Amino acid sequence: MTQDVSTDEAQSEDAMRAKLVQLRQQHRDMDAAIDALEASGAADPLRIRRLKKMKLAIRDEIGFIEDQLVPDIIA
């Protein structure tokens, strides 16, 4: 039984790490898209604002997953 629990935890941690890699790539892609739109000069300010908001949401999700992966240390 304990082996099944540790296996499930390892799989869960692996899934979170995979999701973290995916989110970091999305964050970089979003950053590049925002930079390209701003550099073009013809970008819609509302669209840029929405992209930045989405980028912040991705960053928040990255932070949440990182917090889940790092064990709490009681000082």
PDB file of N, CA and C in Angstrom:
ATOM      1  N   MET A   1       0.823  -1.196   0.000  1.00  0.00           N
ATOM      2  CA  MET A   1       0.000   0.000   0.000  1.00  0.00           C
ATOM      3  C   MET A   1       0.862   1.252   0.000  1.00  0.00           C
ATOM      4  N   THR A   2       1.890   1.316   0.841  1.00  0.00           N
ATOM      5  CA  THR A   2       2.731   2.503   0.885  1.00  0.00           C
ATOM      6  C   THR A   2       3.508   2.668  -0.409  1.00  0.00           C
ATOM      7  N   GLN A   3       3.832   1.551  -1.056  1.00  0.00           N
ATOM      8  CA  GLN A   3       4.548   1.647  -2.325  1.00  0.00           C
ATOM      9  C   GLN A   3       3.641   2.272  -3.391  1.00  0.00           C
ATOM     10  N   ASP A   4       2.355   1.934  -3.374  1.00  0.00           N
ATOM     11  CA  ASP A   4       1.412   2.520  -4.325  1.00  0.00           C
ATOM     12  C   ASP A   4       1.284   4.020  -4.105  1.00  0.00           C
ATOM     13  N   VAL A   5       1.265   4.455  -2.859  1.00  0.00           N
ATOM     14  CA  VAL A   5       1.152   5.872  -2.535  1.00  0.00           C
ATOM     15  C   VAL A   5       2.385   6.617  -3.017  1.00  0.00           C
ATOM     16  N   SER A   6       3.577   6.061  -2.753  1.00  0.00           N
ATOM     17  CA  SER A   6       4.798   6.738  -3.199  1.00  0.00           C
ATOM     18  C   SER A   6       4.900   6.753  -4.717  1.00  0.00           C
ATOM     19  N   THR A   7       4.414   5.712  -5.376  1.00  0.00           N
ATOM     20  CA  THR A   7       4.404   5.678  -6.841  1.00  0.00           C
ATOM     21  C   THR A   7       3.456   6.744  -7.378  1.00  0.00           C
ATOM     22  N   ASP A   8       2.289   6.864  -6.759  1.00  0.00           N
ATOM     23  CA  ASP A   8       1.328   7.891  -7.172  1.00  0.00           C
ATOM     24  C   ASP A   8       1.901   9.287  -6.967  1.00  0.00           C
ATOM     25  N   GLU A   9       2.591   9.491  -5.838  1.00  0.00           N
ATOM     26  CA  GLU A   9       3.197  10.793  -5.571  1.00  0.00           C
ATOM     27  C   GLU A   9       4.279  11.105  -6.593  1.00  0.00           C
ATOM     28  N   ALA A  10       5.080  10.107  -6.957  1.00  0.00           N
ATOM     29  CA  ALA A  10       6.136  10.308  -7.951  1.00  0.00           C
ATOM     30  C   ALA A  10       5.534  10.650  -9.309  1.00  0.00           C
ATOM     31  N   GLN A  11       4.457   9.952  -9.676  1.00  0.00           N
ATOM     32  CA  GLN A  11       3.801  10.237 -10.952  1.00  0.00           C
ATOM     33  C   GLN A  11       3.183  11.626 -10.929  1.00  0.00           C
ATOM     34  N   SER A  12       2.604  11.987  -9.795  1.00  0.00           N
ATOM     35  CA  SER A  12       2.013  13.307  -9.664  1.00  0.00           C
ATOM     36  C   SER A  12       3.092  14.389  -9.771  1.00  0.00           C
ATOM     37  N   GLU A  13       4.223  14.157  -9.122  1.00  0.00           N
ATOM     38  CA  GLU A  13       5.323  15.119  -9.188  1.00  0.00           C
ATOM     39  C   GLU A  13       5.865  15.220 -10.609  1.00  0.00           C
ATOM     40  N   ASP A  14       5.972  14.088 -11.288  1.00  0.00           N
ATOM     41  CA  ASP A  14       6.427  14.104 -12.684  1.00  0.00           C
ATOM     42  C   ASP A  14       5.459  14.882 -13.562  1.00  0.00           C
ATOM     43  N   ALA A  15       4.165  14.701 -13.312  1.00  0.00           N
ATOM     44  CA  ALA A  15       3.150  15.421 -14.091  1.00  0.00           C
ATOM     45  C   ALA A  15       3.246  16.923 -13.832  1.00  0.00           C
ATOM     46  N   MET A  16       3.467  17.298 -12.558  1.00  0.00           N
ATOM     47  CA  MET A  16       3.599  18.718 -12.240  1.00  0.00           C
ATOM     48  C   MET A  16       4.846  19.308 -12.889  1.00  0.00           C
ATOM     49  N   ARG A  17       5.942  18.562 -12.888  1.00  0.00           N
ATOM     50  CA  ARG A  17       7.163  19.052 -13.528  1.00  0.00           C
ATOM     51  C   ARG A  17       6.977  19.214 -15.034  1.00  0.00           C
ATOM     52  N   ALA A  18       6.269  18.280 -15.663  1.00  0.00           N
ATOM     53  CA  ALA A  18       5.987  18.384 -17.096  1.00  0.00           C
ATOM     54  C   ALA A  18       5.110  19.603 -17.379  1.00  0.00           C
ATOM     55  N   LYS A  19       4.111  19.818 -16.535  1.00  0.00           N
ATOM     56  CA  LYS A  19       3.230  20.987 -16.687  1.00  0.00           C
ATOM     57  C   LYS A  19       4.025  22.277 -16.508  1.00  0.00           C
ATOM     58  N   LEU A  20       4.974  22.253 -15.568  1.00  0.00           N
ATOM     59  CA  LEU A  20       5.811  23.423 -15.311  1.00  0.00           C
ATOM     60  C   LEU A  20       6.642  23.772 -16.545  1.00  0.00           C
ATOM     61  N   VAL A  21       7.209  22.764 -17.184  1.00  0.00           N
ATOM     62  CA  VAL A  21       7.992  22.992 -18.407  1.00  0.00           C
ATOM     63  C   VAL A  21       7.101  23.598 -19.489  1.00  0.00           C
ATOM     64  N   GLN A  22       5.897  23.049 -19.622  1.00  0.00           N
ATOM     65  CA  GLN A  22       4.952  23.550 -20.627  1.00  0.00           C
ATOM     66  C   GLN A  22       4.565  25.002 -20.341  1.00  0.00           C
ATOM     67  N   LEU A  23       4.275  25.307 -19.086  1.00  0.00           N
ATOM     68  CA  LEU A  23       3.873  26.673 -18.729  1.00  0.00           C
ATOM     69  C   LEU A  23       5.010  27.665 -18.935  1.00  0.00           C
ATOM     70  N   ARG A  24       6.221  27.259 -18.607  1.00  0.00           N
ATOM     71  CA  ARG A  24       7.372  28.159 -18.824  1.00  0.00           C
ATOM     72  C   ARG A  24       7.549  28.462 -20.304  1.00  0.00           C
ATOM     73  N   GLN A  25       7.333  27.453 -21.158  1.00  0.00           N
ATOM     74  CA  GLN A  25       7.434  27.680 -22.601  1.00  0.00           C
ATOM     75  C   GLN A  25       6.327  28.622 -23.070  1.00  0.00           C
ATOM     76  N   GLN A  26       5.112  28.427 -22.564  1.00  0.00           N
ATOM     77  CA  GLN A  26       4.009  29.323 -22.920  1.00  0.00           C
ATOM     78  C   GLN A  26       4.311  30.751 -22.479  1.00  0.00           C
ATOM     79  N   HIS A  27       4.900  30.900 -21.302  1.00  0.00           N
ATOM     80  CA  HIS A  27       5.243  32.222 -20.776  1.00  0.00           C
ATOM     81  C   HIS A  27       6.254  32.904 -21.685  1.00  0.00           C
ATOM     82  N   ARG A  28       7.280  32.153 -22.118  1.00  0.00           N
ATOM     83  CA  ARG A  28       8.282  32.716 -23.035  1.00  0.00           C
ATOM     84  C   ARG A  28       7.649  33.083 -24.374  1.00  0.00           C
ATOM     85  N   ASP A  29       6.785  32.207 -24.886  1.00  0.00           N
ATOM     86  CA  ASP A  29       6.114  32.475 -26.163  1.00  0.00           C
ATOM     87  C   ASP A  29       5.226  33.720 -26.067  1.00  0.00           C
ATOM     88  N   MET A  30       4.524  33.832 -24.948  1.00  0.00           N
ATOM     89  CA  MET A  30       3.653  34.994 -24.731  1.00  0.00           C
ATOM     90  C   MET A  30       4.487  36.274 -24.677  1.00  0.00           C
ATOM     91  N   ASP A  31       5.630  36.202 -24.012  1.00  0.00           N
ATOM     92  CA  ASP A  31       6.522  37.351 -23.912  1.00  0.00           C
ATOM     93  C   ASP A  31       7.017  37.765 -25.297  1.00  0.00           C
ATOM     94  N   ALA A  32       7.392  36.785 -26.100  1.00  0.00           N
ATOM     95  CA  ALA A  32       7.858  37.075 -27.454  1.00  0.00           C
ATOM     96  C   ALA A  32       6.742  37.682 -28.304  1.00  0.00           C
ATOM     97  N   ALA A  33       5.529  37.178 -28.151  1.00  0.00           N
ATOM     98  CA  ALA A  33       4.400  37.713 -28.920  1.00  0.00           C
ATOM     99  C   ALA A  33       4.115  39.154 -28.527  1.00  0.00           C
ATOM    100  N   ILE A  34       4.163  39.434 -27.232  1.00  0.00           N
ATOM    101  CA  ILE A  34       3.927  40.804 -26.758  1.00  0.00           C
ATOM    102  C   ILE A  34       5.008  41.734 -27.292  1.00  0.00           C
ATOM    103  N   ASP A  35       6.258  41.302 -27.209  1.00  0.00           N
ATOM    104  CA  ASP A  35       7.368  42.123 -27.725  1.00  0.00           C
ATOM    105  C   ASP A  35       7.210  42.396 -29.214  1.00  0.00           C
ATOM    106  N   ALA A  36       6.821  41.384 -29.971  1.00  0.00           N
ATOM    107  CA  ALA A  36       6.652  41.548 -31.420  1.00  0.00           C
ATOM    108  C   ALA A  36       5.513  42.531 -31.728  1.00  0.00           C
ATOM    109  N   LEU A  37       4.417  42.413 -30.987  1.00  0.00           N
ATOM    110  CA  LEU A  37       3.305  43.334 -31.212  1.00  0.00           C
ATOM    111  C   LEU A  37       3.689  44.768 -30.863  1.00  0.00           C
ATOM    112  N   GLU A  38       4.392  44.942 -29.754  1.00  0.00           N
ATOM    113  CA  GLU A  38       4.805  46.282 -29.350  1.00  0.00           C
ATOM    114  C   GLU A  38       5.811  46.864 -30.336  1.00  0.00           C
ATOM    115  N   ALA A  39       6.676  46.030 -30.880  1.00  0.00           N
ATOM    116  CA  ALA A  39       7.681  46.501 -31.826  1.00  0.00           C
ATOM    117  C   ALA A  39       7.058  46.870 -33.169  1.00  0.00           C
ATOM    118  N   SER A  40       5.939  46.242 -33.513  1.00  0.00           N
ATOM    119  CA  SER A  40       5.317  46.518 -34.808  1.00  0.00           C
ATOM    120  C   SER A  40       4.731  47.924 -34.862  1.00  0.00           C
ATOM    121  N   GLY A  41       4.364  48.457 -33.717  1.00  0.00           N
ATOM    122  CA  GLY A  41       3.825  49.814 -33.685  1.00  0.00           C
ATOM    123  C   GLY A  41       2.368  49.910 -34.068  1.00  0.00           C
ATOM    124  N   ALA A  42       1.825  48.896 -34.692  1.00  0.00           N
ATOM    125  CA  ALA A  42       0.429  48.925 -35.123  1.00  0.00           C
ATOM    126  C   ALA A  42      -0.432  48.020 -34.258  1.00  0.00           C
ATOM    127  N   ALA A  43       0.049  47.693 -33.089  1.00  0.00           N
ATOM    128  CA  ALA A  43      -0.664  46.763 -32.222  1.00  0.00           C
ATOM    129  C   ALA A  43      -1.818  47.442 -31.507  1.00  0.00           C
ATOM    130  N   ASP A  44      -2.858  46.684 -31.294  1.00  0.00           N
ATOM    131  CA  ASP A  44      -4.017  47.146 -30.547  1.00  0.00           C
ATOM    132  C   ASP A  44      -3.682  47.123 -29.056  1.00  0.00           C
ATOM    133  N   PRO A  45      -3.761  48.263 -28.371  1.00  0.00           N
ATOM    134  CA  PRO A  45      -3.412  48.299 -26.947  1.00  0.00           C
ATOM    135  C   PRO A  45      -4.246  47.346 -26.088  1.00  0.00           C
ATOM    136  N   LEU A  46      -5.497  47.154 -26.467  1.00  0.00           N
ATOM    137  CA  LEU A  46      -6.357  46.241 -25.726  1.00  0.00           C
ATOM    138  C   LEU A  46      -5.855  44.799 -25.863  1.00  0.00           C
ATOM    139  N   ARG A  47      -5.450  44.437 -27.064  1.00  0.00           N
ATOM    140  CA  ARG A  47      -4.925  43.082 -27.295  1.00  0.00           C
ATOM    141  C   ARG A  47      -3.649  42.860 -26.493  1.00  0.00           C
ATOM    142  N   ILE A  48      -2.772  43.857 -26.471  1.00  0.00           N
ATOM    143  CA  ILE A  48      -1.525  43.741 -25.702  1.00  0.00           C
ATOM    144  C   ILE A  48      -1.847  43.596 -24.219  1.00  0.00           C
ATOM    145  N   ARG A  49      -2.790  44.363 -23.741  1.00  0.00           N
ATOM    146  CA  ARG A  49      -3.184  44.293 -22.328  1.00  0.00           C
ATOM    147  C   ARG A  49      -3.726  42.903 -21.981  1.00  0.00           C
ATOM    148  N   ARG A  50      -4.531  42.347 -22.883  1.00  0.00           N
ATOM    149  CA  ARG A  50      -5.077  41.000 -22.654  1.00  0.00           C
ATOM    150  C   ARG A  50      -3.966  39.952 -22.638  1.00  0.00           C
ATOM    151  N   LEU A  51      -3.023  40.081 -23.553  1.00  0.00           N
ATOM    152  CA  LEU A  51      -1.901  39.138 -23.587  1.00  0.00           C
ATOM    153  C   LEU A  51      -1.062  39.230 -22.307  1.00  0.00           C
ATOM    154  N   LYS A  52      -0.854  40.447 -21.842  1.00  0.00           N
ATOM    155  CA  LYS A  52      -0.092  40.624 -20.603  1.00  0.00           C
ATOM    156  C   LYS A  52      -0.827  40.023 -19.412  1.00  0.00           C
ATOM    157  N   LYS A  53      -2.144  40.158 -19.408  1.00  0.00           N
ATOM    158  CA  LYS A  53      -2.940  39.573 -18.331  1.00  0.00           C
ATOM    159  C   LYS A  53      -2.855  38.043 -18.373  1.00  0.00           C
ATOM    160  N   MET A  54      -2.903  37.477 -19.568  1.00  0.00           N
ATOM    161  CA  MET A  54      -2.760  36.034 -19.721  1.00  0.00           C
ATOM    162  C   MET A  54      -1.370  35.582 -19.274  1.00  0.00           C
ATOM    163  N   LYS A  55      -0.373  36.384 -19.608  1.00  0.00           N
ATOM    164  CA  LYS A  55       1.000  36.063 -19.208  1.00  0.00           C
ATOM    165  C   LYS A  55       1.124  36.056 -17.683  1.00  0.00           C
ATOM    166  N   LEU A  56       0.496  37.009 -17.028  1.00  0.00           N
ATOM    167  CA  LEU A  56       0.515  37.049 -15.562  1.00  0.00           C
ATOM    168  C   LEU A  56      -0.195  35.839 -14.956  1.00  0.00           C
ATOM    169  N   ALA A  57      -1.282  35.412 -15.572  1.00  0.00           N
ATOM    170  CA  ALA A  57      -1.999  34.230 -15.083  1.00  0.00           C
ATOM    171  C   ALA A  57      -1.117  32.987 -15.204  1.00  0.00           C
ATOM    172  N   ILE A  58      -0.374  32.890 -16.296  1.00  0.00           N
ATOM    173  CA  ILE A  58       0.551  31.773 -16.478  1.00  0.00           C
ATOM    174  C   ILE A  58       1.638  31.833 -15.416  1.00  0.00           C
ATOM    175  N   ARG A  59       2.151  33.030 -15.152  1.00  0.00           N
ATOM    176  CA  ARG A  59       3.188  33.195 -14.129  1.00  0.00           C
ATOM    177  C   ARG A  59       2.666  32.783 -12.745  1.00  0.00           C
ATOM    178  N   ASP A  60       1.424  33.130 -12.452  1.00  0.00           N
ATOM    179  CA  ASP A  60       0.828  32.731 -11.176  1.00  0.00           C
ATOM    180  C   ASP A  60       0.727  31.209 -11.075  1.00  0.00           C
ATOM    181  N   GLU A  61       0.333  30.568 -12.168  1.00  0.00           N
ATOM    182  CA  GLU A  61       0.226  29.102 -12.167  1.00  0.00           C
ATOM    183  C   GLU A  61       1.599  28.455 -12.008  1.00  0.00           C
ATOM    184  N   ILE A  62       2.607  29.045 -12.635  1.00  0.00           N
ATOM    185  CA  ILE A  62       3.978  28.547 -12.474  1.00  0.00           C
ATOM    186  C   ILE A  62       4.386  28.639 -11.007  1.00  0.00           C
ATOM    187  N   GLY A  63       4.114  29.768 -10.381  1.00  0.00           N
ATOM    188  CA  GLY A  63       4.448  29.953  -8.973  1.00  0.00           C
ATOM    189  C   GLY A  63       3.738  28.963  -8.076  1.00  0.00           C
ATOM    190  N   PHE A  64       2.469  28.688  -8.371  1.00  0.00           N
ATOM    191  CA  PHE A  64       1.702  27.732  -7.574  1.00  0.00           C
ATOM    192  C   PHE A  64       2.314  26.335  -7.670  1.00  0.00           C
ATOM    193  N   ILE A  65       2.651  25.914  -8.881  1.00  0.00           N
ATOM    194  CA  ILE A  65       3.235  24.578  -9.063  1.00  0.00           C
ATOM    195  C   ILE A  65       4.606  24.500  -8.405  1.00  0.00           C
ATOM    196  N   GLU A  66       5.413  25.551  -8.546  1.00  0.00           N
ATOM    197  CA  GLU A  66       6.723  25.561  -7.896  1.00  0.00           C
ATOM    198  C   GLU A  66       6.581  25.440  -6.381  1.00  0.00           C
ATOM    199  N   ASP A  67       5.586  26.108  -5.809  1.00  0.00           N
ATOM    200  CA  ASP A  67       5.335  26.012  -4.373  1.00  0.00           C
ATOM    201  C   ASP A  67       4.942  24.605  -3.968  1.00  0.00           C
ATOM    202  N   GLN A  68       4.207  23.914  -4.833  1.00  0.00           N
ATOM    203  CA  GLN A  68       3.794  22.551  -4.537  1.00  0.00           C
ATOM    204  C   GLN A  68       4.981  21.577  -4.580  1.00  0.00           C
ATOM    205  N   LEU A  69       5.940  21.861  -5.457  1.00  0.00           N
ATOM    206  CA  LEU A  69       7.087  20.976  -5.621  1.00  0.00           C
ATOM    207  C   LEU A  69       8.160  21.166  -4.566  1.00  0.00           C
ATOM    208  N   VAL A  70       8.251  22.354  -4.002  1.00  0.00           N
ATOM    209  CA  VAL A  70       9.270  22.651  -2.993  1.00  0.00           C
ATOM    210  C   VAL A  70       8.679  22.356  -1.616  1.00  0.00           C
ATOM    211  N   PRO A  71       9.316  21.478  -0.864  1.00  0.00           N
ATOM    212  CA  PRO A  71       8.772  21.152   0.454  1.00  0.00           C
ATOM    213  C   PRO A  71       8.880  22.326   1.411  1.00  0.00           C
ATOM    214  N   ASP A  72       7.909  22.419   2.311  1.00  0.00           N
ATOM    215  CA  ASP A  72       7.926  23.466   3.331  1.00  0.00           C
ATOM    216  C   ASP A  72       8.998  23.150   4.355  1.00  0.00           C
ATOM    217  N   ILE A  73       9.779  24.143   4.689  1.00  0.00           N
ATOM    218  CA  ILE A  73      10.822  23.977   5.694  1.00  0.00           C
ATOM    219  C   ILE A  73      10.436  24.862   6.884  1.00  0.00           C
ATOM    220  N   ILE A  74      10.242  24.223   8.004  1.00  0.00           N
ATOM    221  CA  ILE A  74       9.881  24.963   9.208  1.00  0.00           C
ATOM    222  C   ILE A  74      11.164  25.438   9.860  1.00  0.00           C
ATOM    223  N   ALA A  75      11.304  26.759   9.986  1.00  0.00           N
ATOM    224  CA  ALA A  75      12.525  27.323  10.554  1.00  0.00           C
ATOM    225  C   ALA A  75      12.435  27.442  12.056  1.00  0.00           C
TER     226      ALA A  75
END
